[in-house]
C-alpha atoms as a PDB file:
ATOM      1  CA  MET A   1     140.978 -38.718  34.719  1.00  0.00           C
ATOM      2  CA  SER A   2     138.818 -40.036  31.934  1.00  0.00           C
ATOM      3  CA  LYS A   3     135.808 -42.094  32.960  1.00  0.00           C
ATOM      4  CA  TYR A   4     134.005 -43.050  29.729  1.00  0.00           C
ATOM      5  CA  THR A   5     136.173 -42.261  26.684  1.00  0.00           C
ATOM      6  CA  ILE A   6     139.312 -40.147  26.524  1.00  0.00           C
ATOM      7  CA  ASP A   7     139.911 -36.442  27.088  1.00  0.00           C
ATOM      8  CA  ILE A   8     141.722 -33.865  24.959  1.00  0.00           C
ATOM      9  CA  ARG A   9     144.631 -33.634  27.403  1.00  0.00           C
ATOM     10  CA  THR A  10     145.405 -37.353  27.073  1.00  0.00           C
ATOM     11  CA  MET A  11     145.037 -37.288  23.290  1.00  0.00           C
ATOM     12  CA  LEU A  12     147.505 -34.435  22.982  1.00  0.00           C
ATOM     13  CA  LYS A  13     149.988 -36.180  25.244  1.00  0.00           C
ATOM     14  CA  ASN A  14     149.708 -39.270  23.030  1.00  0.00           C
ATOM     15  CA  GLY A  15     150.664 -37.244  19.972  1.00  0.00           C
ATOM     16  CA  TRP A  16     147.220 -36.479  18.586  1.00  0.00           C
ATOM     17  CA  GLU A  17     147.207 -33.806  15.819  1.00  0.00           C
ATOM     18  CA  PRO A  18     144.054 -31.728  15.986  1.00  0.00           C
ATOM     19  CA  PRO A  19     142.426 -31.448  12.504  1.00  0.00           C
ATOM     20  CA  LEU A  20     142.221 -27.673  12.712  1.00  0.00           C
ATOM     21  CA  ASN A  21     144.478 -26.540   9.894  1.00  0.00           C
ATOM     22  CA  ASP A  22     142.088 -26.741   6.918  1.00  0.00           C
ATOM     23  CA  TYR A  23     138.920 -24.840   7.840  1.00  0.00           C
ATOM     24  CA  LYS A  24     138.369 -21.402   6.324  1.00  0.00           C
ATOM     25  CA  ILE A  25     139.546 -18.498   8.438  1.00  0.00           C
ATOM     26  CA  PHE A  26     139.103 -14.790   7.750  1.00  0.00           C
ATOM     27  CA  ASN A  27     142.747 -14.138   8.703  1.00  0.00           C
ATOM     28  CA  GLU A  28     145.307 -16.952   8.684  1.00  0.00           C
ATOM     29  CA  ASN A  29     147.212 -15.200  11.479  1.00  0.00           C
ATOM     30  CA  TYR A  30     144.199 -15.743  13.737  1.00  0.00           C
ATOM     31  CA  ARG A  31     144.029 -19.497  13.255  1.00  0.00           C
ATOM     32  CA  LYS A  32     146.430 -20.343  16.117  1.00  0.00           C
ATOM     33  CA  VAL A  33     144.594 -17.955  18.462  1.00  0.00           C
ATOM     34  CA  LEU A  34     141.276 -19.652  17.821  1.00  0.00           C
ATOM     35  CA  ASN A  35     142.726 -23.205  17.880  1.00  0.00           C
ATOM     36  CA  ASP A  36     144.382 -22.589  21.252  1.00  0.00           C
ATOM     37  CA  LYS A  37     141.100 -21.280  22.689  1.00  0.00           C
ATOM     38  CA  ILE A  38     139.257 -24.363  21.503  1.00  0.00           C
ATOM     39  CA  LEU A  39     141.803 -26.854  22.835  1.00  0.00           C
ATOM     40  CA  ASN A  40     142.254 -25.025  26.134  1.00  0.00           C
ATOM     41  CA  HIS A  41     138.504 -24.789  26.693  1.00  0.00           C
ATOM     42  CA  PHE A  42     137.965 -28.525  26.153  1.00  0.00           C
ATOM     43  CA  TYR A  43     141.309 -29.603  27.589  1.00  0.00           C
ATOM     44  CA  PHE A  44     139.757 -31.835  30.295  1.00  0.00           C
ATOM     45  CA  TYR A  45     136.595 -32.767  28.361  1.00  0.00           C
ATOM     46  CA  GLU A  46     136.035 -36.358  27.232  1.00  0.00           C
ATOM     47  CA  ILE A  47     135.218 -36.769  23.567  1.00  0.00           C
ATOM     48  CA  GLY A  48     131.724 -37.964  22.687  1.00  0.00           C
ATOM     49  CA  PHE A  49     132.828 -40.725  20.339  1.00  0.00           C
ATOM     50  CA  GLU A  50     134.153 -44.237  20.732  1.00  0.00           C
ATOM     51  CA  THR A  51     137.424 -43.578  18.913  1.00  0.00           C
ATOM     52  CA  VAL A  52     139.812 -40.669  18.390  1.00  0.00           C
ATOM     53  CA  GLU A  53     139.519 -41.182  14.616  1.00  0.00           C
ATOM     54  CA  MET A  54     135.715 -40.609  14.730  1.00  0.00           C
ATOM     55  CA  PHE A  55     136.145 -37.513  16.904  1.00  0.00           C
ATOM     56  CA  SER A  56     138.769 -36.068  14.525  1.00  0.00           C
ATOM     57  CA  PHE A  57     136.491 -36.630  11.545  1.00  0.00           C
ATOM     58  CA  TYR A  58     133.486 -34.889  13.094  1.00  0.00           C
ATOM     59  CA  LEU A  59     135.552 -32.059  14.552  1.00  0.00           C
ATOM     60  CA  LYS A  60     136.950 -31.302  11.117  1.00  0.00           C
ATOM     61  CA  GLN A  61     133.521 -31.553   9.495  1.00  0.00           C
ATOM     62  CA  LYS A  62     131.889 -29.316  12.115  1.00  0.00           C
ATOM     63  CA  MET A  63     134.473 -26.584  11.652  1.00  0.00           C
ATOM     64  CA  ASN A  64     133.994 -26.632   7.889  1.00  0.00           C
ATOM     65  CA  GLU A  65     130.235 -26.374   8.301  1.00  0.00           C
ATOM     66  CA  ILE A  66     130.141 -23.405  10.664  1.00  0.00           C
ATOM     67  CA  MET A  67     133.076 -21.232   9.678  1.00  0.00           C
ATOM     68  CA  ASP A  68     131.518 -19.537   6.660  1.00  0.00           C
ATOM     69  CA  LYS A  69     129.029 -17.637   8.855  1.00  0.00           C
ATOM     70  CA  TYR A  70     131.586 -16.904  11.550  1.00  0.00           C
ATOM     71  CA  ASN A  71     134.115 -15.566   9.031  1.00  0.00           C
ATOM     72  CA  PHE A  72     131.404 -13.150   7.917  1.00  0.00           C
ATOM     73  CA  LEU A  73     130.929 -12.091  11.533  1.00  0.00           C
ATOM     74  CA  TYR A  74     134.699 -11.731  12.077  1.00  0.00           C
ATOM     75  CA  GLU A  75     135.010  -9.484   9.037  1.00  0.00           C
ATOM     76  CA  ASN A  76     132.122  -7.280  10.106  1.00  0.00           C
ATOM     77  CA  GLN A  77     133.381  -7.096  13.671  1.00  0.00           C
ATOM     78  CA  GLU A  78     136.620  -5.650  12.339  1.00  0.00           C
ATOM     79  CA  LYS A  79     134.656  -2.975  10.530  1.00  0.00           C
ATOM     80  CA  ILE A  80     132.632  -2.183  13.660  1.00  0.00           C
ATOM     81  CA  LEU A  81     135.696  -1.949  15.838  1.00  0.00           C
ATOM     82  CA  LYS A  82     137.411   0.368  13.363  1.00  0.00           C
ATOM     83  CA  GLY A  83     134.390   2.656  13.420  1.00  0.00           C
ATOM     84  CA  MET A  84     133.801   2.569  17.171  1.00  0.00           C
ATOM     85  CA  LEU A  85     135.444   5.906  17.757  1.00  0.00           C
ATOM     86  CA  GLY A  86     132.533   7.568  16.003  1.00  0.00           C
ATOM     87  CA  ASN A  87     128.773   7.264  16.327  1.00  0.00           C
ATOM     88  CA  VAL A  88     127.972   9.404  13.308  1.00  0.00           C
ATOM     89  CA  ASN A  89     128.259   8.102   9.757  1.00  0.00           C
ATOM     90  CA  LEU A  90     126.278  10.199   7.302  1.00  0.00           C
ATOM     91  CA  GLU A  91     126.498  10.513   3.558  1.00  0.00           C
ATOM     92  CA  GLU A  92     125.056  13.522   1.749  1.00  0.00           C
ATOM     93  CA  THR A  93     124.660  13.413  -1.992  1.00  0.00           C
ATOM     94  CA  TYR A  94     123.855  16.489  -4.073  1.00  0.00           C
ATOM     95  CA  SER A  95     123.184  16.674  -7.796  1.00  0.00           C
ATOM     96  CA  ASN A  96     122.018  19.678  -9.818  1.00  0.00           C
ATOM     97  CA  THR A  97     121.660  20.043 -13.573  1.00  0.00           C
ATOM     98  CA  SER A  98     120.713  23.317 -15.289  1.00  0.00           C
ATOM     99  CA  ILE A  99     119.986  23.723 -19.004  1.00  0.00           C
ATOM    100  CA  GLY A 100     120.054  27.080 -20.765  1.00  0.00           C
ATOM    101  CA  LYS A 101     118.868  27.895 -24.271  1.00  0.00           C
ATOM    102  CA  GLY A 102     119.324  31.074 -26.280  1.00  0.00           C
ATOM    103  CA  THR A 103     118.070  32.171 -29.717  1.00  0.00           C
ATOM    104  CA  SER A 104     119.222  35.130 -31.788  1.00  0.00           C
ATOM    105  CA  SER A 105     117.988  36.260 -35.217  1.00  0.00           C
ATOM    106  CA  SER A 106     118.496  39.156 -37.625  1.00  0.00           C
ATOM    107  CA  ASN A 107     116.795  40.231 -40.872  1.00  0.00           C
ATOM    108  CA  SER A 108     118.047  42.738 -43.456  1.00  0.00           C
ATOM    109  CA  ASN A 109     116.615  43.979 -46.791  1.00  0.00           C
ATOM    110  CA  SER A 110     118.038  46.438 -49.286  1.00  0.00           C
ATOM    111  CA  ASP A 111     116.649  47.779 -52.583  1.00  0.00           C
ATOM    112  CA  SER A 112     118.439  49.893 -55.179  1.00  0.00           C
ATOM    113  CA  GLU A 113     117.551  51.329 -58.532  1.00  0.00           C
ATOM    114  CA  ALA A 114     119.808  53.092 -61.059  1.00  0.00           C
ATOM    115  CA  LYS A 115     118.801  54.806 -64.327  1.00  0.00           C
ATOM    116  CA  ASN A 116     121.089  56.341 -66.962  1.00  0.00           C
ATOM    117  CA  VAL A 117     119.795  58.364 -69.892  1.00  0.00           C
ATOM    118  CA  LEU A 118     121.899  59.654 -72.801  1.00  0.00           C
ATOM    119  CA  GLN A 119     120.490  62.062 -75.382  1.00  0.00           C
ATOM    120  CA  ASP A 120     122.702  63.127 -78.258  1.00  0.00           C
ATOM    121  CA  THR A 121     120.338  65.804 -79.573  1.00  0.00           C
ATOM    122  CA  PRO A 122     117.701  66.705 -77.042  1.00  0.00           C
ATOM    123  CA  GLN A 123     114.378  67.552 -78.608  1.00  0.00           C
ATOM    124  CA  GLY A 124     112.617  68.564 -75.511  1.00  0.00           C
ATOM    125  CA  GLN A 125     112.069  67.493 -72.001  1.00  0.00           C
ATOM    126  CA  VAL A 126     111.811  63.794 -71.273  1.00  0.00           C
ATOM    127  CA  THR A 127     110.102  62.887 -68.095  1.00  0.00           C
ATOM    128  CA  MET A 128     110.852  59.832 -66.072  1.00  0.00           C
ATOM    129  CA  THR A 129     107.482  58.501 -67.125  1.00  0.00           C
ATOM    130  CA  ASP A 130     108.483  58.966 -70.736  1.00  0.00           C
ATOM    131  CA  LEU A 131     111.709  57.143 -70.075  1.00  0.00           C
ATOM    132  CA  ASP A 132     109.979  54.317 -68.274  1.00  0.00           C
ATOM    133  CA  ASN A 133     107.588  54.080 -71.179  1.00  0.00           C
ATOM    134  CA  LEU A 134     110.468  54.271 -73.673  1.00  0.00           C
ATOM    135  CA  LYS A 135     108.953  57.237 -75.559  1.00  0.00           C
ATOM    136  CA  TRP A 136     112.214  58.797 -76.614  1.00  0.00           C
ATOM    137  CA  ALA A 137     115.965  58.559 -75.788  1.00  0.00           C
ATOM    138  CA  THR A 138     119.198  57.974 -77.578  1.00  0.00           C
ATOM    139  CA  SER A 139     120.487  55.771 -74.800  1.00  0.00           C
ATOM    140  CA  TYR A 140     118.790  54.535 -71.668  1.00  0.00           C
ATOM    141  CA  THR A 141     119.864  52.082 -69.020  1.00  0.00           C
ATOM    142  CA  LYS A 142     118.029  50.985 -65.907  1.00  0.00           C
ATOM    143  CA  SER A 143     119.086  48.586 -63.190  1.00  0.00           C
ATOM    144  CA  GLU A 144     117.354  47.392 -60.073  1.00  0.00           C
ATOM    145  CA  SER A 145     118.558  45.208 -57.241  1.00  0.00           C
ATOM    146  CA  ASN A 146     116.989  43.674 -54.194  1.00  0.00           C
ATOM    147  CA  ALA A 147     118.852  41.923 -51.386  1.00  0.00           C
ATOM    148  CA  SER A 148     117.433  40.081 -48.402  1.00  0.00           C
ATOM    149  CA  ALA A 149     119.272  38.236 -45.590  1.00  0.00           C
ATOM    150  CA  ASN A 150     117.962  36.222 -42.656  1.00  0.00           C
ATOM    151  CA  ASP A 151     120.185  34.952 -39.887  1.00  0.00           C
ATOM    152  CA  LYS A 152     119.038  32.826 -36.947  1.00  0.00           C
ATOM    153  CA  SER A 153     121.120  30.949 -34.402  1.00  0.00           C
ATOM    154  CA  GLU A 154     120.387  28.816 -31.278  1.00  0.00           C
ATOM    155  CA  THR A 155     122.683  27.919 -28.398  1.00  0.00           C
ATOM    156  CA  THR A 156     122.194  25.357 -25.609  1.00  0.00           C
ATOM    157  CA  THR A 157     124.296  25.077 -22.436  1.00  0.00           C
ATOM    158  CA  ASN A 158     124.272  22.274 -19.833  1.00  0.00           C
ATOM    159  CA  ASN A 159     125.725  22.741 -16.351  1.00  0.00           C
ATOM    160  CA  THR A 160     125.939  19.773 -13.955  1.00  0.00           C
ATOM    161  CA  GLU A 161     127.098  19.913 -10.342  1.00  0.00           C
ATOM    162  CA  ASP A 162     127.573  16.768  -8.273  1.00  0.00           C
ATOM    163  CA  TYR A 163     129.177  16.094  -4.895  1.00  0.00           C
ATOM    164  CA  VAL A 164     129.123  13.482  -2.113  1.00  0.00           C
ATOM    165  CA  LYS A 165     129.891  14.531   1.467  1.00  0.00           C
ATOM    166  CA  ASN A 166     130.617  12.019   4.254  1.00  0.00           C
ATOM    167  CA  ILE A 167     130.413  12.929   7.913  1.00  0.00           C
ATOM    168  CA  ILE A 168     132.047  10.428  10.272  1.00  0.00           C
ATOM    169  CA  GLY A 169     132.853  11.012  13.924  1.00  0.00           C
ATOM    170  CA  ASN A 170     131.525  11.267  17.451  1.00  0.00           C
ATOM    171  CA  ASN A 171     128.623  13.633  18.066  1.00  0.00           C
ATOM    172  CA  GLY A 172     129.515  13.797  21.783  1.00  0.00           C
ATOM    173  CA  MET A 173     126.412  11.991  23.026  1.00  0.00           C
ATOM    174  CA  LYS A 174     128.504   9.080  24.310  1.00  0.00           C
ATOM    175  CA  SER A 175     132.186   8.702  25.097  1.00  0.00           C
ATOM    176  CA  ASN A 176     134.294   6.149  23.247  1.00  0.00           C
ATOM    177  CA  LEU A 177     134.438   3.980  26.427  1.00  0.00           C
ATOM    178  CA  GLU A 178     130.648   3.990  26.779  1.00  0.00           C
ATOM    179  CA  MET A 179     130.250   2.899  23.161  1.00  0.00           C
ATOM    180  CA  TYR A 180     132.768   0.092  23.687  1.00  0.00           C
ATOM    181  CA  ILE A 181     130.919  -1.153  26.799  1.00  0.00           C
ATOM    182  CA  ASP A 182     127.632  -1.101  24.805  1.00  0.00           C
ATOM    183  CA  PHE A 183     129.281  -3.134  22.080  1.00  0.00           C
ATOM    184  CA  VAL A 184     130.560  -5.767  24.494  1.00  0.00           C
ATOM    185  CA  ASN A 185     127.227  -6.017  26.317  1.00  0.00           C
ATOM    186  CA  LYS A 186     125.263  -6.519  23.128  1.00  0.00           C
ATOM    187  CA  PHE A 187     127.468  -9.012  21.327  1.00  0.00           C
ATOM    188  CA  ASN A 188     128.992 -12.238  22.527  1.00  0.00           C
ATOM    189  CA  THR A 189     132.479 -12.820  21.325  1.00  0.00           C
ATOM    190  CA  ILE A 190     132.637 -14.852  18.148  1.00  0.00           C
ATOM    191  CA  ASP A 191     135.246 -17.176  19.536  1.00  0.00           C
ATOM    192  CA  MET A 192     132.956 -18.328  22.321  1.00  0.00           C
ATOM    193  CA  SER A 193     130.085 -18.824  19.888  1.00  0.00           C
ATOM    194  CA  ILE A 194     132.262 -21.231  17.893  1.00  0.00           C
ATOM    195  CA  ILE A 195     133.296 -23.067  21.067  1.00  0.00           C
ATOM    196  CA  HIS A 196     129.647 -23.454  22.137  1.00  0.00           C
ATOM    197  CA  GLU A 197     128.849 -25.063  18.756  1.00  0.00           C
ATOM    198  CA  LEU A 198     131.557 -27.670  19.433  1.00  0.00           C
ATOM    199  CA  ASP A 199     129.978 -28.711  22.763  1.00  0.00           C
ATOM    200  CA  GLU A 200     127.976 -31.470  21.038  1.00  0.00           C
ATOM    201  CA  LEU A 201     131.213 -33.313  20.206  1.00  0.00           C
ATOM    202  CA  PHE A 202     132.045 -33.915  23.869  1.00  0.00           C
ATOM    203  CA  MET A 203     130.514 -35.879  26.754  1.00  0.00           C
ATOM    204  CA  GLY A 204     129.932 -32.691  28.700  1.00  0.00           C
ATOM    205  CA  LEU A 205     131.411 -34.247  31.828  1.00  0.00           C
ATOM    206  CA  LEU A 206     134.477 -33.026  33.702  1.00  0.00           C
END
């Protein structure tokens, strides 16, 4: 029975609609679960305000103020719970790049000389020196050629090897049950943390 103001039980019986449908929630399906916990926890508590309207206003405001940080915790708790079956989460990254260069070259030279001498009425011997000096000949032709070729080529090759290896699992140091117990012992449930933040809205008397 209320002594100073009015309790949640009486407000609900009188048709009070809790203003708990607008605050941000990480999963809309979880809203009813959290709302029920809040109302059941404070079911016999007297509100810490003179009127129901003032209490409703500050309850709505308080939930909007605190839920951003608790939604972050909810989301990360889901990740932790999903990974609880393993206590190893390693990522190995490997990258290797090799560069190869090759050079090849070739040189070639060729010389040729051709001489043709025609004598209609030879008068004696004609030496090559005589021909070169044009001393005597009826007909004389000489041709020379020189050819040179240089060839050089370079090649470059790049080889890159990359991979990422993830190792996730249980290394056997602790059982899954032991890891779950450690988790529960180290972290208070988020629901109860929210409820504790709402204590200031109530008289604190039963």
